[in-house]
């Protein structure tokens, strides 16, 4: 495989990871689970927001890595 094709596939992979994590995090903010857990609905919402925030943060990290790799 040529070197340019390897670099292009790495760039596209990083962009797809960034978009995937960000979309997953945003979906957890928009659609809340309405289950009846023993720990209560407030804790359930808190963990949903926490997981969504971590996912959006990871999306931003992958986007920063992709931008850094793209300029290299």
PDB file of N, CA and C in Angstrom:
ATOM      1  N   UNK A   1       0.838  -1.168   0.000  1.00  0.00           N
ATOM      2  CA  UNK A   1       0.000   0.000   0.000  1.00  0.00           C
ATOM      3  C   UNK A   1       0.888   1.238   0.000  1.00  0.00           C
ATOM      4  N   UNK A   2       0.478   2.231  -0.736  1.00  0.00           N
ATOM      5  CA  UNK A   2       1.308   3.422  -0.791  1.00  0.00           C
ATOM      6  C   UNK A   2       1.195   4.226   0.505  1.00  0.00           C
ATOM      7  N   UNK A   3       2.182   5.052   0.716  1.00  0.00           N
ATOM      8  CA  UNK A   3       2.235   5.834   1.956  1.00  0.00           C
ATOM      9  C   UNK A   3       1.094   6.855   2.020  1.00  0.00           C
ATOM     10  N   UNK A   4       0.760   7.451   0.870  1.00  0.00           N
ATOM     11  CA  UNK A   4      -0.330   8.437   0.841  1.00  0.00           C
ATOM     12  C   UNK A   4      -1.667   7.804   1.195  1.00  0.00           C
ATOM     13  N   UNK A   5      -1.889   6.591   0.734  1.00  0.00           N
ATOM     14  CA  UNK A   5      -3.143   5.902   1.041  1.00  0.00           C
ATOM     15  C   UNK A   5      -3.236   5.552   2.520  1.00  0.00           C
ATOM     16  N   UNK A   6      -2.113   5.189   3.124  1.00  0.00           N
ATOM     17  CA  UNK A   6      -2.094   4.906   4.562  1.00  0.00           C
ATOM     18  C   UNK A   6      -2.399   6.154   5.372  1.00  0.00           C
ATOM     19  N   UNK A   7      -1.832   7.283   4.975  1.00  0.00           N
ATOM     20  CA  UNK A   7      -2.092   8.533   5.684  1.00  0.00           C
ATOM     21  C   UNK A   7      -3.552   8.972   5.511  1.00  0.00           C
ATOM     22  N   UNK A   8      -4.079   8.801   4.322  1.00  0.00           N
ATOM     23  CA  UNK A   8      -5.466   9.171   4.082  1.00  0.00           C
ATOM     24  C   UNK A   8      -6.422   8.298   4.890  1.00  0.00           C
ATOM     25  N   UNK A   9      -6.150   7.012   4.958  1.00  0.00           N
ATOM     26  CA  UNK A   9      -7.021   6.125   5.722  1.00  0.00           C
ATOM     27  C   UNK A   9      -6.930   6.418   7.223  1.00  0.00           C
ATOM     28  N   UNK A  10      -5.757   6.799   7.710  1.00  0.00           N
ATOM     29  CA  UNK A  10      -5.623   7.178   9.125  1.00  0.00           C
ATOM     30  C   UNK A  10      -6.392   8.459   9.412  1.00  0.00           C
ATOM     31  N   UNK A  11      -6.325   9.418   8.514  1.00  0.00           N
ATOM     32  CA  UNK A  11      -7.064  10.674   8.695  1.00  0.00           C
ATOM     33  C   UNK A  11      -8.562  10.439   8.705  1.00  0.00           C
ATOM     34  N   UNK A  12      -9.032   9.656   7.757  1.00  0.00           N
ATOM     35  CA  UNK A  12     -10.475   9.375   7.683  1.00  0.00           C
ATOM     36  C   UNK A  12     -10.921   8.599   8.914  1.00  0.00           C
ATOM     37  N   UNK A  13     -10.104   7.670   9.373  1.00  0.00           N
ATOM     38  CA  UNK A  13     -10.447   6.912  10.578  1.00  0.00           C
ATOM     39  C   UNK A  13     -10.554   7.794  11.806  1.00  0.00           C
ATOM     40  N   UNK A  14      -9.632   8.733  11.968  1.00  0.00           N
ATOM     41  CA  UNK A  14      -9.686   9.646  13.110  1.00  0.00           C
ATOM     42  C   UNK A  14     -10.907  10.556  13.049  1.00  0.00           C
ATOM     43  N   UNK A  15     -11.235  11.033  11.857  1.00  0.00           N
ATOM     44  CA  UNK A  15     -12.426  11.878  11.702  1.00  0.00           C
ATOM     45  C   UNK A  15     -13.695  11.082  12.014  1.00  0.00           C
ATOM     46  N   UNK A  16     -13.748   9.841  11.555  1.00  0.00           N
ATOM     47  CA  UNK A  16     -14.927   9.007  11.826  1.00  0.00           C
ATOM     48  C   UNK A  16     -15.063   8.711  13.317  1.00  0.00           C
ATOM     49  N   UNK A  17     -13.957   8.474  14.004  1.00  0.00           N
ATOM     50  CA  UNK A  17     -14.004   8.272  15.453  1.00  0.00           C
ATOM     51  C   UNK A  17     -14.506   9.527  16.160  1.00  0.00           C
ATOM     52  N   UNK A  18     -14.024  10.683  15.745  1.00  0.00           N
ATOM     53  CA  UNK A  18     -14.461  11.940  16.352  1.00  0.00           C
ATOM     54  C   UNK A  18     -15.957  12.153  16.148  1.00  0.00           C
ATOM     55  N   UNK A  19     -16.424  11.926  14.930  1.00  0.00           N
ATOM     56  CA  UNK A  19     -17.850  12.109  14.662  1.00  0.00           C
ATOM     57  C   UNK A  19     -18.699  11.071  15.393  1.00  0.00           C
ATOM     58  N   UNK A  20     -18.227   9.847  15.462  1.00  0.00           N
ATOM     59  CA  UNK A  20     -18.987   8.795  16.118  1.00  0.00           C
ATOM     60  C   UNK A  20     -19.141   9.030  17.613  1.00  0.00           C
ATOM     61  N   UNK A  21     -18.056   9.361  18.289  1.00  0.00           N
ATOM     62  CA  UNK A  21     -18.135   9.626  19.721  1.00  0.00           C
ATOM     63  C   UNK A  21     -18.986  10.865  20.011  1.00  0.00           C
ATOM     64  N   UNK A  22     -18.831  11.896  19.195  1.00  0.00           N
ATOM     65  CA  UNK A  22     -19.617  13.108  19.413  1.00  0.00           C
ATOM     66  C   UNK A  22     -21.103  12.848  19.204  1.00  0.00           C
ATOM     67  N   UNK A  23     -21.440  12.125  18.165  1.00  0.00           N
ATOM     68  CA  UNK A  23     -22.843  11.813  17.903  1.00  0.00           C
ATOM     69  C   UNK A  23     -23.429  10.935  19.001  1.00  0.00           C
ATOM     70  N   UNK A  24     -22.663   9.974  19.449  1.00  0.00           N
ATOM     71  CA  UNK A  24     -23.125   9.109  20.526  1.00  0.00           C
ATOM     72  C   UNK A  24     -23.382   9.907  21.806  1.00  0.00           C
ATOM     73  N   UNK A  25     -22.492  10.843  22.114  1.00  0.00           N
ATOM     74  CA  UNK A  25     -22.673  11.682  23.289  1.00  0.00           C
ATOM     75  C   UNK A  25     -23.873  12.606  23.166  1.00  0.00           C
ATOM     76  N   UNK A  26     -24.058  13.184  21.991  1.00  0.00           N
ATOM     77  CA  UNK A  26     -25.200  14.075  21.793  1.00  0.00           C
ATOM     78  C   UNK A  26     -26.524  13.321  21.836  1.00  0.00           C
ATOM     79  N   UNK A  27     -26.533  12.107  21.329  1.00  0.00           N
ATOM     80  CA  UNK A  27     -27.758  11.306  21.386  1.00  0.00           C
ATOM     81  C   UNK A  27     -28.150  10.987  22.821  1.00  0.00           C
ATOM     82  N   UNK A  28     -27.172  10.779  23.685  1.00  0.00           N
ATOM     83  CA  UNK A  28     -27.507  10.507  25.086  1.00  0.00           C
ATOM     84  C   UNK A  28     -28.072  11.745  25.774  1.00  0.00           C
ATOM     85  N   UNK A  29     -27.738  12.940  25.279  1.00  0.00           N
ATOM     86  CA  UNK A  29     -28.338  14.155  25.838  1.00  0.00           C
ATOM     87  C   UNK A  29     -29.783  14.332  25.368  1.00  0.00           C
ATOM     88  N   UNK A  30     -30.058  13.973  24.124  1.00  0.00           N
ATOM     89  CA  UNK A  30     -31.383  14.207  23.559  1.00  0.00           C
ATOM     90  C   UNK A  30     -32.397  13.127  23.913  1.00  0.00           C
ATOM     91  N   UNK A  31     -31.956  11.884  24.005  1.00  0.00           N
ATOM     92  CA  UNK A  31     -32.864  10.774  24.280  1.00  0.00           C
ATOM     93  C   UNK A  31     -32.497  10.144  25.612  1.00  0.00           C
ATOM     94  N   UNK A  32     -33.370  10.282  26.575  1.00  0.00           N
ATOM     95  CA  UNK A  32     -33.119   9.742  27.908  1.00  0.00           C
ATOM     96  C   UNK A  32     -33.839   8.414  28.065  1.00  0.00           C
ATOM     97  N   UNK A  33     -33.192   7.487  28.736  1.00  0.00           N
ATOM     98  CA  UNK A  33     -33.824   6.203  29.043  1.00  0.00           C
ATOM     99  C   UNK A  33     -34.857   6.428  30.137  1.00  0.00           C
ATOM    100  N   UNK A  34     -35.990   5.782  30.015  1.00  0.00           N
ATOM    101  CA  UNK A  34     -37.056   5.941  31.000  1.00  0.00           C
ATOM    102  C   UNK A  34     -37.272   4.632  31.731  1.00  0.00           C
ATOM    103  N   UNK A  35     -36.207   4.049  32.203  1.00  0.00           N
ATOM    104  CA  UNK A  35     -36.303   2.792  32.932  1.00  0.00           C
ATOM    105  C   UNK A  35     -36.608   3.040  34.399  1.00  0.00           C
ATOM    106  N   UNK A  36     -37.034   1.997  35.092  1.00  0.00           N
ATOM    107  CA  UNK A  36     -37.347   2.093  36.511  1.00  0.00           C
ATOM    108  C   UNK A  36     -36.262   1.339  37.276  1.00  0.00           C
ATOM    109  N   UNK A  37     -35.201   2.056  37.614  1.00  0.00           N
ATOM    110  CA  UNK A  37     -34.086   1.433  38.306  1.00  0.00           C
ATOM    111  C   UNK A  37     -34.214   1.658  39.803  1.00  0.00           C
ATOM    112  N   UNK A  38     -33.515   0.837  40.560  1.00  0.00           N
ATOM    113  CA  UNK A  38     -33.582   0.938  42.011  1.00  0.00           C
ATOM    114  C   UNK A  38     -32.834   2.162  42.541  1.00  0.00           C
ATOM    115  N   UNK A  39     -31.908   2.705  41.761  1.00  0.00           N
ATOM    116  CA  UNK A  39     -31.133   3.837  42.256  1.00  0.00           C
ATOM    117  C   UNK A  39     -31.844   5.167  42.051  1.00  0.00           C
ATOM    118  N   UNK A  40     -32.928   5.182  41.353  1.00  0.00           N
ATOM    119  CA  UNK A  40     -33.721   6.398  41.206  1.00  0.00           C
ATOM    120  C   UNK A  40     -33.470   7.113  39.897  1.00  0.00           C
ATOM    121  N   UNK A  41     -34.459   7.893  39.482  1.00  0.00           N
ATOM    122  CA  UNK A  41     -34.347   8.568  38.184  1.00  0.00           C
ATOM    123  C   UNK A  41     -33.306   9.688  38.163  1.00  0.00           C
ATOM    124  N   UNK A  42     -33.049  10.327  39.308  1.00  0.00           N
ATOM    125  CA  UNK A  42     -32.060  11.402  39.317  1.00  0.00           C
ATOM    126  C   UNK A  42     -30.655  10.869  39.067  1.00  0.00           C
ATOM    127  N   UNK A  43     -30.328   9.755  39.690  1.00  0.00           N
ATOM    128  CA  UNK A  43     -29.016   9.145  39.462  1.00  0.00           C
ATOM    129  C   UNK A  43     -28.903   8.627  38.033  1.00  0.00           C
ATOM    130  N   UNK A  44     -29.998   8.116  37.503  1.00  0.00           N
ATOM    131  CA  UNK A  44     -29.997   7.626  36.128  1.00  0.00           C
ATOM    132  C   UNK A  44     -29.714   8.766  35.152  1.00  0.00           C
ATOM    133  N   UNK A  45     -30.336   9.916  35.361  1.00  0.00           N
ATOM    134  CA  UNK A  45     -30.082  11.071  34.504  1.00  0.00           C
ATOM    135  C   UNK A  45     -28.649  11.579  34.674  1.00  0.00           C
ATOM    136  N   UNK A  46     -28.174  11.565  35.906  1.00  0.00           N
ATOM    137  CA  UNK A  46     -26.809  12.020  36.166  1.00  0.00           C
ATOM    138  C   UNK A  46     -25.796  11.157  35.435  1.00  0.00           C
ATOM    139  N   UNK A  47     -25.965   9.834  35.503  1.00  0.00           N
ATOM    140  CA  UNK A  47     -25.038   8.940  34.811  1.00  0.00           C
ATOM    141  C   UNK A  47     -25.170   9.081  33.292  1.00  0.00           C
ATOM    142  N   UNK A  48     -26.370   9.353  32.802  1.00  0.00           N
ATOM    143  CA  UNK A  48     -26.555   9.585  31.374  1.00  0.00           C
ATOM    144  C   UNK A  48     -25.828  10.834  30.911  1.00  0.00           C
ATOM    145  N   UNK A  49     -25.945  11.910  31.673  1.00  0.00           N
ATOM    146  CA  UNK A  49     -25.236  13.141  31.336  1.00  0.00           C
ATOM    147  C   UNK A  49     -23.725  12.976  31.453  1.00  0.00           C
ATOM    148  N   UNK A  50     -23.295  12.246  32.465  1.00  0.00           N
ATOM    149  CA  UNK A  50     -21.869  12.017  32.652  1.00  0.00           C
ATOM    150  C   UNK A  50     -21.293  11.207  31.484  1.00  0.00           C
ATOM    151  N   UNK A  51     -21.978  10.158  31.103  1.00  0.00           N
ATOM    152  CA  UNK A  51     -21.517   9.344  29.972  1.00  0.00           C
ATOM    153  C   UNK A  51     -21.540  10.118  28.670  1.00  0.00           C
ATOM    154  N   UNK A  52     -22.575  10.929  28.458  1.00  0.00           N
ATOM    155  CA  UNK A  52     -22.637  11.756  27.258  1.00  0.00           C
ATOM    156  C   UNK A  52     -21.527  12.784  27.221  1.00  0.00           C
ATOM    157  N   UNK A  53     -21.223  13.362  28.373  1.00  0.00           N
ATOM    158  CA  UNK A  53     -20.145  14.355  28.439  1.00  0.00           C
ATOM    159  C   UNK A  53     -18.790  13.725  28.133  1.00  0.00           C
ATOM    160  N   UNK A  54     -18.558  12.545  28.678  1.00  0.00           N
ATOM    161  CA  UNK A  54     -17.287  11.851  28.409  1.00  0.00           C
ATOM    162  C   UNK A  54     -17.185  11.500  26.928  1.00  0.00           C
ATOM    163  N   UNK A  55     -18.286  11.093  26.335  1.00  0.00           N
ATOM    164  CA  UNK A  55     -18.268  10.732  24.924  1.00  0.00           C
ATOM    165  C   UNK A  55     -18.000  11.953  24.039  1.00  0.00           C
ATOM    166  N   UNK A  56     -18.622  13.082  24.354  1.00  0.00           N
ATOM    167  CA  UNK A  56     -18.363  14.301  23.580  1.00  0.00           C
ATOM    168  C   UNK A  56     -16.918  14.756  23.781  1.00  0.00           C
ATOM    169  N   UNK A  57     -16.403  14.623  25.000  1.00  0.00           N
ATOM    170  CA  UNK A  57     -15.005  14.972  25.261  1.00  0.00           C
ATOM    171  C   UNK A  57     -14.063  14.094  24.437  1.00  0.00           C
ATOM    172  N   UNK A  58     -14.327  12.804  24.381  1.00  0.00           N
ATOM    173  CA  UNK A  58     -13.485  11.908  23.572  1.00  0.00           C
ATOM    174  C   UNK A  58     -13.584  12.254  22.089  1.00  0.00           C
ATOM    175  N   UNK A  59     -14.767  12.652  21.645  1.00  0.00           N
ATOM    176  CA  UNK A  59     -14.909  13.103  20.264  1.00  0.00           C
ATOM    177  C   UNK A  59     -14.052  14.326  19.988  1.00  0.00           C
ATOM    178  N   UNK A  60     -13.998  15.257  20.946  1.00  0.00           N
ATOM    179  CA  UNK A  60     -13.164  16.447  20.785  1.00  0.00           C
ATOM    180  C   UNK A  60     -11.677  16.074  20.790  1.00  0.00           C
ATOM    181  N   UNK A  61     -11.307  15.117  21.614  1.00  0.00           N
ATOM    182  CA  UNK A  61      -9.899  14.672  21.648  1.00  0.00           C
ATOM    183  C   UNK A  61      -9.516  14.038  20.319  1.00  0.00           C
ATOM    184  N   UNK A  62     -10.374  13.176  19.777  1.00  0.00           N
ATOM    185  CA  UNK A  62     -10.072  12.558  18.483  1.00  0.00           C
ATOM    186  C   UNK A  62     -10.035  13.604  17.374  1.00  0.00           C
ATOM    187  N   UNK A  63     -10.878  14.628  17.462  1.00  0.00           N
ATOM    188  CA  UNK A  63     -10.853  15.688  16.461  1.00  0.00           C
ATOM    189  C   UNK A  63      -9.555  16.486  16.554  1.00  0.00           C
ATOM    190  N   UNK A  64      -9.096  16.749  17.762  1.00  0.00           N
ATOM    191  CA  UNK A  64      -7.823  17.467  17.929  1.00  0.00           C
ATOM    192  C   UNK A  64      -6.659  16.633  17.397  1.00  0.00           C
ATOM    193  N   UNK A  65      -6.690  15.342  17.670  1.00  0.00           N
ATOM    194  CA  UNK A  65      -5.632  14.463  17.147  1.00  0.00           C
ATOM    195  C   UNK A  65      -5.684  14.413  15.631  1.00  0.00           C
ATOM    196  N   UNK A  66      -6.887  14.383  15.058  1.00  0.00           N
ATOM    197  CA  UNK A  66      -7.021  14.354  13.605  1.00  0.00           C
ATOM    198  C   UNK A  66      -6.497  15.649  12.989  1.00  0.00           C
ATOM    199  N   UNK A  67      -6.783  16.786  13.604  1.00  0.00           N
ATOM    200  CA  UNK A  67      -6.272  18.058  13.083  1.00  0.00           C
ATOM    201  C   UNK A  67      -4.762  18.124  13.187  1.00  0.00           C
ATOM    202  N   UNK A  68      -4.210  17.631  14.282  1.00  0.00           N
ATOM    203  CA  UNK A  68      -2.766  17.617  14.429  1.00  0.00           C
ATOM    204  C   UNK A  68      -2.119  16.691  13.413  1.00  0.00           C
ATOM    205  N   UNK A  69      -2.725  15.532  13.200  1.00  0.00           N
ATOM    206  CA  UNK A  69      -2.185  14.577  12.227  1.00  0.00           C
ATOM    207  C   UNK A  69      -2.302  15.114  10.812  1.00  0.00           C
ATOM    208  N   UNK A  70      -3.384  15.850  10.549  1.00  0.00           N
ATOM    209  CA  UNK A  70      -3.618  16.373   9.202  1.00  0.00           C
ATOM    210  C   UNK A  70      -2.550  17.410   8.837  1.00  0.00           C
ATOM    211  N   UNK A  71      -2.121  18.223   9.814  1.00  0.00           N
ATOM    212  CA  UNK A  71      -1.129  19.263   9.547  1.00  0.00           C
ATOM    213  C   UNK A  71       0.288  18.719   9.440  1.00  0.00           C
ATOM    214  N   UNK A  72       0.511  17.523   9.905  1.00  0.00           N
ATOM    215  CA  UNK A  72       1.833  16.928   9.920  1.00  0.00           C
ATOM    216  C   UNK A  72       2.259  16.441   8.571  1.00  0.00           C
TER     217      UNK A  72
END
